[in-house]
Amino acid sequence: MAARAHAPPDSWEYSLQLPRDPLAPRIARCTVRTVLGEHGLVTLAETAELLTSELVTNAYLHSPGPASVRLKWHGEKLRVSVWDSSTSRPRPAAGLGRGTNPFSERGRGLLLVAVCADDWGSFPLGEDLAGVRGKVVWFALDAGAADRAPVPRGGRRG
């Protein structure tokens, strides 16, 4: 008997809990690649992997605890959110201006997110009943956008 092709639902959501571990960005990238590939969204995968990796790396470097990643698909749009326990809201670097070391390995993650995502933003989380606090940084990619390579998309910060 031949296997039937999977018809993806109109909307879905996946979550991944990550310990504060240097392997977290790689594990998040692999998860994003697998989820998007299984749902036939390979045109979004390269950019989503890059931006997820940047946000999870920031969580690892700047937060004292674990992180979580949520992928949500709805209305032809992918939204990836990364939670961490730090309450400091991020700001992208101003770019490669005067006095900036163009060979520095740090300080450009959010600039990549701002340039490559169709939309992005962050918001703080106050402490809830379970004692959870921190912030969420997210980005959105529109499946309808042409040629989905990790190149500037002209997204806005929100």
C-alpha atoms as a PDB file:
ATOM      1  CA  MET A   1       0.000   0.000   0.000  1.00  0.00           C
ATOM      2  CA  ALA A   2       1.407   3.419  -0.966  1.00  0.00           C
ATOM      3  CA  ALA A   3       1.876   6.032   1.710  1.00  0.00           C
ATOM      4  CA  ARG A   4      -0.359   9.053   1.494  1.00  0.00           C
ATOM      5  CA  ALA A   5       1.225  12.502   1.358  1.00  0.00           C
ATOM      6  CA  HIS A   6       0.793  14.539   4.520  1.00  0.00           C
ATOM      7  CA  ALA A   7      -1.514  17.504   4.091  1.00  0.00           C
ATOM      8  CA  PRO A   8      -0.174  20.156   6.470  1.00  0.00           C
ATOM      9  CA  PRO A   9      -2.672  21.936   8.697  1.00  0.00           C
ATOM     10  CA  ASP A  10      -3.443  25.597   8.071  1.00  0.00           C
ATOM     11  CA  SER A  11      -1.726  26.487  11.311  1.00  0.00           C
ATOM     12  CA  TRP A  12       0.631  24.729  13.693  1.00  0.00           C
ATOM     13  CA  GLU A  13       2.965  25.428  16.582  1.00  0.00           C
ATOM     14  CA  TYR A  14       6.069  23.709  17.966  1.00  0.00           C
ATOM     15  CA  SER A  15       8.050  24.508  21.111  1.00  0.00           C
ATOM     16  CA  LEU A  16      11.575  23.573  22.129  1.00  0.00           C
ATOM     17  CA  GLN A  17      13.067  23.992  25.606  1.00  0.00           C
ATOM     18  CA  LEU A  18      16.827  24.585  25.676  1.00  0.00           C
ATOM     19  CA  PRO A  19      19.228  24.479  28.618  1.00  0.00           C
ATOM     20  CA  ARG A  20      21.908  27.150  28.880  1.00  0.00           C
ATOM     21  CA  ASP A  21      24.371  25.180  26.782  1.00  0.00           C
ATOM     22  CA  PRO A  22      26.715  26.122  23.918  1.00  0.00           C
ATOM     23  CA  LEU A  23      25.011  23.426  21.806  1.00  0.00           C
ATOM     24  CA  ALA A  24      21.634  25.202  22.060  1.00  0.00           C
ATOM     25  CA  PRO A  25      21.988  27.305  18.861  1.00  0.00           C
ATOM     26  CA  ARG A  26      22.899  24.231  16.793  1.00  0.00           C
ATOM     27  CA  ILE A  27      20.053  22.172  18.249  1.00  0.00           C
ATOM     28  CA  ALA A  28      17.622  25.027  17.556  1.00  0.00           C
ATOM     29  CA  ARG A  29      18.861  25.312  13.931  1.00  0.00           C
ATOM     30  CA  CYS A  30      18.430  21.574  13.355  1.00  0.00           C
ATOM     31  CA  THR A  31      14.944  21.660  14.846  1.00  0.00           C
ATOM     32  CA  VAL A  32      13.872  24.602  12.682  1.00  0.00           C
ATOM     33  CA  ARG A  33      15.258  22.912   9.557  1.00  0.00           C
ATOM     34  CA  THR A  34      13.438  19.657  10.359  1.00  0.00           C
ATOM     35  CA  VAL A  35      10.082  21.265  11.182  1.00  0.00           C
ATOM     36  CA  LEU A  36      10.069  23.493   8.099  1.00  0.00           C
ATOM     37  CA  GLY A  37      11.249  20.658   5.845  1.00  0.00           C
ATOM     38  CA  GLU A  38       8.533  18.320   7.106  1.00  0.00           C
ATOM     39  CA  HIS A  39       5.897  20.976   6.443  1.00  0.00           C
ATOM     40  CA  GLY A  40       7.210  21.685   2.930  1.00  0.00           C
ATOM     41  CA  LEU A  41       8.487  25.159   3.811  1.00  0.00           C
ATOM     42  CA  VAL A  42      12.064  24.692   2.636  1.00  0.00           C
ATOM     43  CA  THR A  43      12.097  28.156   1.033  1.00  0.00           C
ATOM     44  CA  LEU A  44      11.901  29.659   4.527  1.00  0.00           C
ATOM     45  CA  ALA A  45      14.372  27.270   6.153  1.00  0.00           C
ATOM     46  CA  GLU A  46      17.710  28.956   5.421  1.00  0.00           C
ATOM     47  CA  THR A  47      16.670  32.381   6.678  1.00  0.00           C
ATOM     48  CA  ALA A  48      14.719  30.951   9.629  1.00  0.00           C
ATOM     49  CA  GLU A  49      17.724  28.840  10.679  1.00  0.00           C
ATOM     50  CA  LEU A  50      20.090  31.818  10.513  1.00  0.00           C
ATOM     51  CA  LEU A  51      17.842  34.145  12.491  1.00  0.00           C
ATOM     52  CA  THR A  52      16.881  31.505  15.066  1.00  0.00           C
ATOM     53  CA  SER A  53      20.553  30.749  15.588  1.00  0.00           C
ATOM     54  CA  GLU A  54      21.274  34.434  16.196  1.00  0.00           C
ATOM     55  CA  LEU A  55      18.483  34.794  18.764  1.00  0.00           C
ATOM     56  CA  VAL A  56      19.347  31.580  20.618  1.00  0.00           C
ATOM     57  CA  THR A  57      23.032  32.547  20.636  1.00  0.00           C
ATOM     58  CA  ASN A  58      22.074  35.893  22.184  1.00  0.00           C
ATOM     59  CA  ALA A  59      19.991  34.082  24.806  1.00  0.00           C
ATOM     60  CA  TYR A  60      22.942  31.823  25.624  1.00  0.00           C
ATOM     61  CA  LEU A  61      25.430  34.708  25.826  1.00  0.00           C
ATOM     62  CA  HIS A  62      23.299  37.244  27.678  1.00  0.00           C
ATOM     63  CA  SER A  63      20.939  35.253  29.886  1.00  0.00           C
ATOM     64  CA  PRO A  64      21.791  33.297  33.032  1.00  0.00           C
ATOM     65  CA  GLY A  65      19.320  30.486  32.440  1.00  0.00           C
ATOM     66  CA  PRO A  66      17.502  28.340  29.898  1.00  0.00           C
ATOM     67  CA  ALA A  67      15.713  29.492  26.752  1.00  0.00           C
ATOM     68  CA  SER A  68      12.790  28.300  24.694  1.00  0.00           C
ATOM     69  CA  VAL A  69      11.982  28.541  21.002  1.00  0.00           C
ATOM     70  CA  ARG A  70       8.486  28.589  19.543  1.00  0.00           C
ATOM     71  CA  LEU A  71       7.712  28.190  15.852  1.00  0.00           C
ATOM     72  CA  LYS A  72       4.214  29.201  14.812  1.00  0.00           C
ATOM     73  CA  TRP A  73       2.745  28.964  11.323  1.00  0.00           C
ATOM     74  CA  HIS A  74      -0.483  30.796  10.525  1.00  0.00           C
ATOM     75  CA  GLY A  75      -1.811  32.643   7.500  1.00  0.00           C
ATOM     76  CA  GLU A  76       1.222  31.983   5.271  1.00  0.00           C
ATOM     77  CA  LYS A  77       3.508  33.512   7.904  1.00  0.00           C
ATOM     78  CA  LEU A  78       6.134  31.902  10.118  1.00  0.00           C
ATOM     79  CA  ARG A  79       6.771  33.490  13.486  1.00  0.00           C
ATOM     80  CA  VAL A  80       9.718  32.324  15.578  1.00  0.00           C
ATOM     81  CA  SER A  81       9.924  33.498  19.193  1.00  0.00           C
ATOM     82  CA  VAL A  82      12.822  33.001  21.589  1.00  0.00           C
ATOM     83  CA  TRP A  83      12.272  33.441  25.326  1.00  0.00           C
ATOM     84  CA  ASP A  84      15.071  33.857  27.838  1.00  0.00           C
ATOM     85  CA  SER A  85      15.230  34.892  31.489  1.00  0.00           C
ATOM     86  CA  SER A  86      17.098  38.167  30.970  1.00  0.00           C
ATOM     87  CA  THR A  87      14.943  41.268  31.297  1.00  0.00           C
ATOM     88  CA  SER A  88      17.287  43.413  29.163  1.00  0.00           C
ATOM     89  CA  ARG A  89      15.653  44.197  25.844  1.00  0.00           C
ATOM     90  CA  PRO A  90      18.007  43.942  22.879  1.00  0.00           C
ATOM     91  CA  ARG A  91      18.863  46.638  20.373  1.00  0.00           C
ATOM     92  CA  PRO A  92      20.494  45.986  17.007  1.00  0.00           C
ATOM     93  CA  ALA A  93      23.908  47.421  16.252  1.00  0.00           C
ATOM     94  CA  ALA A  94      23.814  50.576  14.176  1.00  0.00           C
ATOM     95  CA  GLY A  95      25.714  48.822  11.387  1.00  0.00           C
ATOM     96  CA  LEU A  96      29.273  49.148  10.270  1.00  0.00           C
ATOM     97  CA  GLY A  97      29.788  52.781  11.059  1.00  0.00           C
ATOM     98  CA  ARG A  98      32.941  54.645  11.835  1.00  0.00           C
ATOM     99  CA  GLY A  99      34.931  53.126  14.662  1.00  0.00           C
ATOM    100  CA  THR A 100      33.279  49.726  14.244  1.00  0.00           C
ATOM    101  CA  ASN A 101      35.554  46.737  13.779  1.00  0.00           C
ATOM    102  CA  PRO A 102      34.316  45.014  10.588  1.00  0.00           C
ATOM    103  CA  PHE A 103      36.004  41.771  11.692  1.00  0.00           C
ATOM    104  CA  SER A 104      34.360  41.563  15.110  1.00  0.00           C
ATOM    105  CA  GLU A 105      32.474  38.322  15.722  1.00  0.00           C
ATOM    106  CA  ARG A 106      29.954  39.983  18.034  1.00  0.00           C
ATOM    107  CA  GLY A 107      27.300  42.646  17.856  1.00  0.00           C
ATOM    108  CA  ARG A 108      25.626  41.918  14.548  1.00  0.00           C
ATOM    109  CA  GLY A 109      23.020  39.252  15.360  1.00  0.00           C
ATOM    110  CA  LEU A 110      20.081  41.610  15.761  1.00  0.00           C
ATOM    111  CA  LEU A 111      21.220  43.637  12.771  1.00  0.00           C
ATOM    112  CA  LEU A 112      20.886  40.433  10.719  1.00  0.00           C
ATOM    113  CA  VAL A 113      17.426  39.855  12.172  1.00  0.00           C
ATOM    114  CA  ALA A 114      16.368  43.429  11.394  1.00  0.00           C
ATOM    115  CA  VAL A 115      17.651  43.192   7.828  1.00  0.00           C
ATOM    116  CA  CYS A 116      16.550  39.645   6.914  1.00  0.00           C
ATOM    117  CA  ALA A 117      13.160  39.283   8.635  1.00  0.00           C
ATOM    118  CA  ASP A 118       9.920  40.670   7.259  1.00  0.00           C
ATOM    119  CA  ASP A 119       9.136  41.875  10.769  1.00  0.00           C
ATOM    120  CA  TRP A 120      10.647  41.492  14.227  1.00  0.00           C
ATOM    121  CA  GLY A 121      10.423  42.808  17.750  1.00  0.00           C
ATOM    122  CA  SER A 122      10.774  42.099  21.437  1.00  0.00           C
ATOM    123  CA  PHE A 123       8.740  42.517  24.585  1.00  0.00           C
ATOM    124  CA  PRO A 124       9.431  42.095  28.288  1.00  0.00           C
ATOM    125  CA  LEU A 125       7.640  39.573  30.465  1.00  0.00           C
ATOM    126  CA  GLY A 126       6.795  40.564  33.998  1.00  0.00           C
ATOM    127  CA  GLU A 127       6.890  37.872  36.646  1.00  0.00           C
ATOM    128  CA  ASP A 128       3.800  35.650  36.456  1.00  0.00           C
ATOM    129  CA  LEU A 129       2.277  33.291  39.021  1.00  0.00           C
ATOM    130  CA  ALA A 130       4.818  30.594  38.166  1.00  0.00           C
ATOM    131  CA  GLY A 131       7.703  33.023  38.667  1.00  0.00           C
ATOM    132  CA  VAL A 132       8.506  33.240  34.940  1.00  0.00           C
ATOM    133  CA  ARG A 133       9.999  36.496  33.753  1.00  0.00           C
ATOM    134  CA  GLY A 134      12.367  37.662  31.065  1.00  0.00           C
ATOM    135  CA  LYS A 135      11.777  38.699  27.495  1.00  0.00           C
ATOM    136  CA  VAL A 136      10.710  37.372  24.132  1.00  0.00           C
ATOM    137  CA  VAL A 137      12.481  38.310  20.907  1.00  0.00           C
ATOM    138  CA  TRP A 138      10.672  37.269  17.738  1.00  0.00           C
ATOM    139  CA  PHE A 139      10.823  37.504  13.968  1.00  0.00           C
ATOM    140  CA  ALA A 140       8.361  36.796  11.175  1.00  0.00           C
ATOM    141  CA  LEU A 141       8.918  35.516   7.653  1.00  0.00           C
ATOM    142  CA  ASP A 142       6.195  35.760   5.028  1.00  0.00           C
ATOM    143  CA  ALA A 143       5.962  32.701   2.766  1.00  0.00           C
ATOM    144  CA  GLY A 144       4.634  34.898  -0.025  1.00  0.00           C
ATOM    145  CA  ALA A 145       7.855  36.930  -0.211  1.00  0.00           C
ATOM    146  CA  ALA A 146       9.833  36.247  -3.373  1.00  0.00           C
ATOM    147  CA  ASP A 147      13.215  34.473  -3.352  1.00  0.00           C
ATOM    148  CA  ARG A 148      13.707  33.465   0.256  1.00  0.00           C
ATOM    149  CA  ALA A 149      17.506  33.568   0.583  1.00  0.00           C
ATOM    150  CA  PRO A 150      19.036  35.085   3.716  1.00  0.00           C
ATOM    151  CA  VAL A 151      19.372  38.524   2.197  1.00  0.00           C
ATOM    152  CA  PRO A 152      17.970  41.893   3.231  1.00  0.00           C
ATOM    153  CA  ARG A 153      14.184  41.848   3.299  1.00  0.00           C
ATOM    154  CA  GLY A 154      13.565  45.363   4.570  1.00  0.00           C
ATOM    155  CA  GLY A 155      11.733  44.273   7.713  1.00  0.00           C
ATOM    156  CA  ARG A 156      10.841  46.728  10.411  1.00  0.00           C
ATOM    157  CA  ARG A 157      11.437  46.654  14.108  1.00  0.00           C
ATOM    158  CA  GLY A 158       8.322  46.385  16.233  1.00  0.00           C
END
